[in-house]
N, C-alpha and C. Protein backbone atom coordinates (compact mmCIF):
# COMPACT_ATOMS: atom_id res chain seq x y z
N MET A 1 0.84 -1.18 0.00
CA MET A 1 0.00 0.00 0.00
C MET A 1 0.89 1.24 0.00
N ILE A 2 0.61 2.17 -0.89
CA ILE A 2 1.39 3.40 -0.98
C ILE A 2 0.68 4.50 -0.21
N GLU A 3 1.40 5.14 0.69
CA GLU A 3 0.86 6.25 1.48
C GLU A 3 1.04 7.56 0.73
N LEU A 4 0.04 8.41 0.80
CA LEU A 4 0.09 9.72 0.14
C LEU A 4 1.01 10.67 0.90
N VAL A 5 1.98 11.25 0.20
CA VAL A 5 2.89 12.24 0.79
C VAL A 5 2.37 13.62 0.41
N THR A 6 2.22 14.49 1.42
CA THR A 6 1.73 15.84 1.18
C THR A 6 2.73 16.85 1.70
N ASP A 7 3.04 17.85 0.88
CA ASP A 7 3.87 18.97 1.31
C ASP A 7 2.94 20.11 1.72
N TRP A 8 3.23 20.73 2.87
CA TRP A 8 2.41 21.79 3.45
C TRP A 8 3.23 23.06 3.62
N TYR A 9 2.53 24.21 3.66
CA TYR A 9 3.20 25.47 3.98
C TYR A 9 2.23 26.39 4.71
N CYS A 10 2.79 27.37 5.41
CA CYS A 10 1.98 28.39 6.08
C CYS A 10 2.16 29.70 5.30
N PRO A 11 1.06 30.27 4.79
CA PRO A 11 1.17 31.52 4.05
C PRO A 11 1.52 32.71 4.95
N ASN A 12 1.45 32.53 6.26
CA ASN A 12 1.75 33.63 7.19
C ASN A 12 3.20 33.62 7.66
N CYS A 13 3.67 32.48 8.15
CA CYS A 13 5.03 32.44 8.73
C CYS A 13 6.05 31.74 7.83
N GLY A 14 5.59 31.05 6.77
CA GLY A 14 6.50 30.40 5.83
C GLY A 14 6.95 29.00 6.22
N LEU A 15 6.48 28.47 7.34
CA LEU A 15 6.85 27.11 7.75
C LEU A 15 6.45 26.11 6.67
N THR A 16 7.31 25.12 6.42
CA THR A 16 6.97 24.03 5.51
C THR A 16 7.13 22.71 6.24
N GLU A 17 6.27 21.76 5.93
CA GLU A 17 6.33 20.41 6.52
C GLU A 17 5.87 19.41 5.48
N GLN A 18 6.16 18.14 5.75
CA GLN A 18 5.73 17.06 4.87
C GLN A 18 5.12 15.98 5.75
N THR A 19 3.97 15.45 5.33
CA THR A 19 3.33 14.38 6.07
C THR A 19 3.09 13.19 5.14
N VAL A 20 2.92 12.03 5.75
CA VAL A 20 2.61 10.81 5.00
C VAL A 20 1.28 10.27 5.52
N GLY A 21 0.28 10.22 4.64
CA GLY A 21 -1.00 9.62 4.98
C GLY A 21 -1.88 10.44 5.90
N LYS A 22 -1.64 11.75 6.05
CA LYS A 22 -2.48 12.59 6.90
C LYS A 22 -3.24 13.59 6.04
N PRO A 23 -4.55 13.77 6.31
CA PRO A 23 -5.34 14.66 5.47
C PRO A 23 -5.17 16.16 5.76
N ASN A 24 -4.63 16.50 6.91
CA ASN A 24 -4.43 17.92 7.23
C ASN A 24 -3.32 18.07 8.26
N ARG A 25 -2.91 19.31 8.47
CA ARG A 25 -1.79 19.58 9.38
C ARG A 25 -1.98 20.95 10.00
N TYR A 26 -1.69 21.06 11.28
CA TYR A 26 -1.77 22.32 12.02
C TYR A 26 -0.42 22.61 12.66
N HIS A 27 -0.18 23.89 12.99
CA HIS A 27 1.07 24.27 13.65
C HIS A 27 0.83 25.50 14.53
N GLY A 28 1.72 25.73 15.44
CA GLY A 28 1.68 26.93 16.27
C GLY A 28 2.28 28.09 15.49
N CYS A 29 1.46 28.89 14.84
CA CYS A 29 1.94 29.96 13.96
C CYS A 29 2.39 31.16 14.77
N PRO A 30 3.67 31.55 14.67
CA PRO A 30 4.14 32.71 15.42
C PRO A 30 3.57 34.03 14.92
N LYS A 31 3.16 34.10 13.65
CA LYS A 31 2.57 35.34 13.11
C LYS A 31 1.14 35.53 13.61
N LEU A 32 0.35 34.45 13.62
CA LEU A 32 -1.03 34.55 14.11
C LEU A 32 -1.11 34.41 15.62
N ARG A 33 -0.04 33.88 16.23
CA ARG A 33 0.03 33.64 17.67
C ARG A 33 -1.04 32.67 18.16
N MET A 34 -1.28 31.64 17.34
CA MET A 34 -2.23 30.59 17.71
C MET A 34 -2.04 29.38 16.79
N THR A 35 -2.69 28.29 17.12
CA THR A 35 -2.64 27.10 16.28
C THR A 35 -3.45 27.37 15.01
N ALA A 36 -2.82 27.14 13.86
CA ALA A 36 -3.46 27.44 12.59
C ALA A 36 -3.17 26.32 11.60
N PRO A 37 -4.05 26.16 10.61
CA PRO A 37 -3.83 25.11 9.62
C PRO A 37 -2.72 25.46 8.63
N LEU A 38 -2.04 24.43 8.16
CA LEU A 38 -1.12 24.58 7.04
C LEU A 38 -1.92 24.34 5.76
N VAL A 39 -1.43 24.82 4.64
CA VAL A 39 -2.09 24.70 3.34
C VAL A 39 -1.25 23.79 2.46
N ALA A 40 -1.90 22.94 1.68
CA ALA A 40 -1.17 22.05 0.77
C ALA A 40 -0.36 22.88 -0.21
N LYS A 41 0.90 22.49 -0.38
CA LYS A 41 1.79 23.20 -1.30
C LYS A 41 1.19 23.20 -2.70
N GLY A 42 1.29 24.34 -3.37
CA GLY A 42 0.73 24.48 -4.71
C GLY A 42 -0.62 25.18 -4.72
N LEU A 43 -1.29 25.23 -3.55
CA LEU A 43 -2.56 25.96 -3.45
C LEU A 43 -2.29 27.39 -3.04
N SER A 44 -2.91 28.32 -3.68
CA SER A 44 -2.83 29.72 -3.27
C SER A 44 -3.93 29.95 -2.24
N ALA A 45 -3.56 30.38 -1.05
CA ALA A 45 -4.55 30.55 0.01
C ALA A 45 -4.06 31.58 1.02
N LYS A 46 -5.02 32.06 1.83
CA LYS A 46 -4.64 32.91 2.96
C LYS A 46 -5.34 32.36 4.19
N VAL A 47 -4.66 32.49 5.33
CA VAL A 47 -5.18 32.03 6.61
C VAL A 47 -5.23 33.25 7.53
N GLU A 48 -6.44 33.58 8.03
CA GLU A 48 -6.63 34.77 8.84
C GLU A 48 -7.37 34.45 10.14
N ALA A 49 -6.98 35.12 11.20
CA ALA A 49 -7.73 35.08 12.46
C ALA A 49 -8.75 36.21 12.40
N LYS A 50 -10.01 35.89 12.64
CA LYS A 50 -11.08 36.89 12.61
C LYS A 50 -11.42 37.33 14.03
N VAL A 51 -11.40 38.63 14.24
CA VAL A 51 -11.71 39.20 15.55
C VAL A 51 -13.21 39.15 15.78
N ARG A 52 -13.58 38.80 17.00
CA ARG A 52 -15.00 38.77 17.38
C ARG A 52 -15.49 40.21 17.48
N GLU A 53 -16.60 40.50 16.82
CA GLU A 53 -17.09 41.88 16.74
C GLU A 53 -18.24 42.17 17.69
N ASP A 54 -18.80 41.15 18.33
CA ASP A 54 -19.90 41.40 19.25
C ASP A 54 -19.38 41.58 20.68
N TYR A 55 -20.25 41.90 21.59
CA TYR A 55 -19.89 42.14 22.99
C TYR A 55 -19.48 40.84 23.66
N VAL A 56 -18.35 40.85 24.34
CA VAL A 56 -17.84 39.65 24.99
C VAL A 56 -18.39 39.50 26.40
N GLY A 57 -18.45 40.58 27.14
CA GLY A 57 -18.94 40.52 28.51
C GLY A 57 -18.03 39.66 29.38
N LYS A 58 -18.60 38.74 30.12
CA LYS A 58 -17.83 37.87 31.02
C LYS A 58 -17.54 36.50 30.42
N GLU A 59 -17.82 36.33 29.13
CA GLU A 59 -17.56 35.05 28.48
C GLU A 59 -16.06 34.75 28.44
N ASN A 60 -15.73 33.48 28.54
CA ASN A 60 -14.34 33.03 28.49
C ASN A 60 -14.01 32.72 27.03
N VAL A 61 -13.36 33.68 26.35
CA VAL A 61 -13.06 33.56 24.92
C VAL A 61 -11.56 33.53 24.68
N ARG A 62 -11.17 33.14 23.48
CA ARG A 62 -9.75 33.10 23.09
C ARG A 62 -9.30 34.53 22.80
N ILE A 63 -8.24 34.98 23.47
CA ILE A 63 -7.69 36.32 23.30
C ILE A 63 -6.32 36.23 22.63
N ILE A 64 -6.14 36.93 21.52
CA ILE A 64 -4.87 36.98 20.81
C ILE A 64 -4.52 38.45 20.61
N ASN A 65 -3.34 38.86 21.03
CA ASN A 65 -2.91 40.25 20.92
C ASN A 65 -3.91 41.21 21.55
N GLY A 66 -4.52 40.80 22.65
CA GLY A 66 -5.47 41.64 23.36
C GLY A 66 -6.85 41.73 22.74
N LYS A 67 -7.11 40.94 21.69
CA LYS A 67 -8.40 40.99 21.00
C LYS A 67 -9.06 39.62 21.03
N PRO A 68 -10.39 39.58 21.18
CA PRO A 68 -11.09 38.29 21.16
C PRO A 68 -11.17 37.74 19.74
N VAL A 69 -10.69 36.52 19.55
CA VAL A 69 -10.70 35.88 18.23
C VAL A 69 -11.85 34.89 18.19
N MET A 70 -12.68 34.99 17.13
CA MET A 70 -13.84 34.09 17.02
C MET A 70 -13.61 32.94 16.06
N SER A 71 -12.65 33.09 15.11
CA SER A 71 -12.45 32.02 14.14
C SER A 71 -11.14 32.19 13.39
N ILE A 72 -10.74 31.11 12.73
CA ILE A 72 -9.64 31.15 11.76
C ILE A 72 -10.25 30.76 10.42
N VAL A 73 -10.04 31.59 9.41
CA VAL A 73 -10.62 31.36 8.09
C VAL A 73 -9.49 31.10 7.09
N THR A 74 -9.57 29.97 6.40
CA THR A 74 -8.65 29.65 5.31
C THR A 74 -9.40 29.86 4.01
N THR A 75 -8.94 30.81 3.18
CA THR A 75 -9.60 31.13 1.92
C THR A 75 -8.72 30.67 0.76
N ARG A 76 -9.34 29.85 -0.11
CA ARG A 76 -8.69 29.36 -1.32
C ARG A 76 -9.52 29.80 -2.52
N ASP A 77 -9.01 29.55 -3.71
CA ASP A 77 -9.76 29.90 -4.92
C ASP A 77 -11.09 29.15 -5.01
N ASN A 78 -11.14 27.94 -4.48
CA ASN A 78 -12.35 27.13 -4.62
C ASN A 78 -13.19 27.04 -3.34
N GLY A 79 -12.97 27.93 -2.36
CA GLY A 79 -13.80 27.92 -1.17
C GLY A 79 -13.08 28.33 0.10
N GLN A 80 -13.75 28.12 1.22
CA GLN A 80 -13.22 28.47 2.54
C GLN A 80 -13.39 27.33 3.52
N ASP A 81 -12.47 27.27 4.48
CA ASP A 81 -12.62 26.41 5.65
C ASP A 81 -12.60 27.34 6.85
N VAL A 82 -13.42 27.04 7.86
CA VAL A 82 -13.49 27.90 9.04
C VAL A 82 -13.40 27.04 10.29
N ILE A 83 -12.55 27.48 11.22
CA ILE A 83 -12.48 26.89 12.56
C ILE A 83 -13.08 27.93 13.49
N VAL A 84 -14.15 27.58 14.20
CA VAL A 84 -14.86 28.53 15.06
C VAL A 84 -14.52 28.22 16.52
N PHE A 85 -14.21 29.27 17.27
CA PHE A 85 -13.91 29.14 18.70
C PHE A 85 -15.13 29.61 19.50
N ALA A 86 -15.90 28.67 20.00
CA ALA A 86 -17.04 29.00 20.83
C ALA A 86 -16.55 29.39 22.22
N PRO A 87 -17.28 30.29 22.91
CA PRO A 87 -16.89 30.62 24.28
C PRO A 87 -16.87 29.36 25.15
N THR A 88 -15.95 29.32 26.08
CA THR A 88 -15.82 28.19 26.99
C THR A 88 -16.82 28.33 28.13
N ALA A 89 -17.53 27.26 28.40
CA ALA A 89 -18.51 27.28 29.49
C ALA A 89 -17.79 27.17 30.82
N THR A 90 -18.34 27.84 31.81
CA THR A 90 -17.82 27.72 33.18
C THR A 90 -19.01 27.39 34.07
N GLY A 91 -18.72 26.78 35.17
CA GLY A 91 -19.80 26.41 36.08
C GLY A 91 -19.58 26.99 37.47
N GLY A 92 -20.62 27.06 38.17
CA GLY A 92 -20.56 27.56 39.55
C GLY A 92 -21.80 27.10 40.27
N GLY A 93 -21.80 27.29 41.52
CA GLY A 93 -22.98 26.91 42.28
C GLY A 93 -22.58 26.22 43.58
N SER A 94 -23.56 25.81 44.29
CA SER A 94 -23.27 25.17 45.57
C SER A 94 -23.76 23.73 45.55
N ALA A 95 -23.07 22.90 46.26
CA ALA A 95 -23.45 21.50 46.36
C ALA A 95 -24.56 21.38 47.41
N GLY A 96 -25.47 20.51 47.10
CA GLY A 96 -26.32 20.25 48.16
C GLY A 96 -27.69 20.21 48.21
């Protein structure tokens, strides 16, 4: 059985990697300051962190560079992929 070899790159920081038999790859991008997807080599794409534009209040959200980030959007010629960061639930109360 032959495993598929894929070359990946980050359009933001320039990192390149190669995987065998994996459909996708993520890395800690120093430019975005968060975990972001790599793009298959040969595809023209951009990867952006989208700032949350609504009121945050006391919600526990992902903060990057002092701003609440709601998603990472990968835009290619043939479409988009989106990773959405939902606010983290917290609990409180008394036992009993």
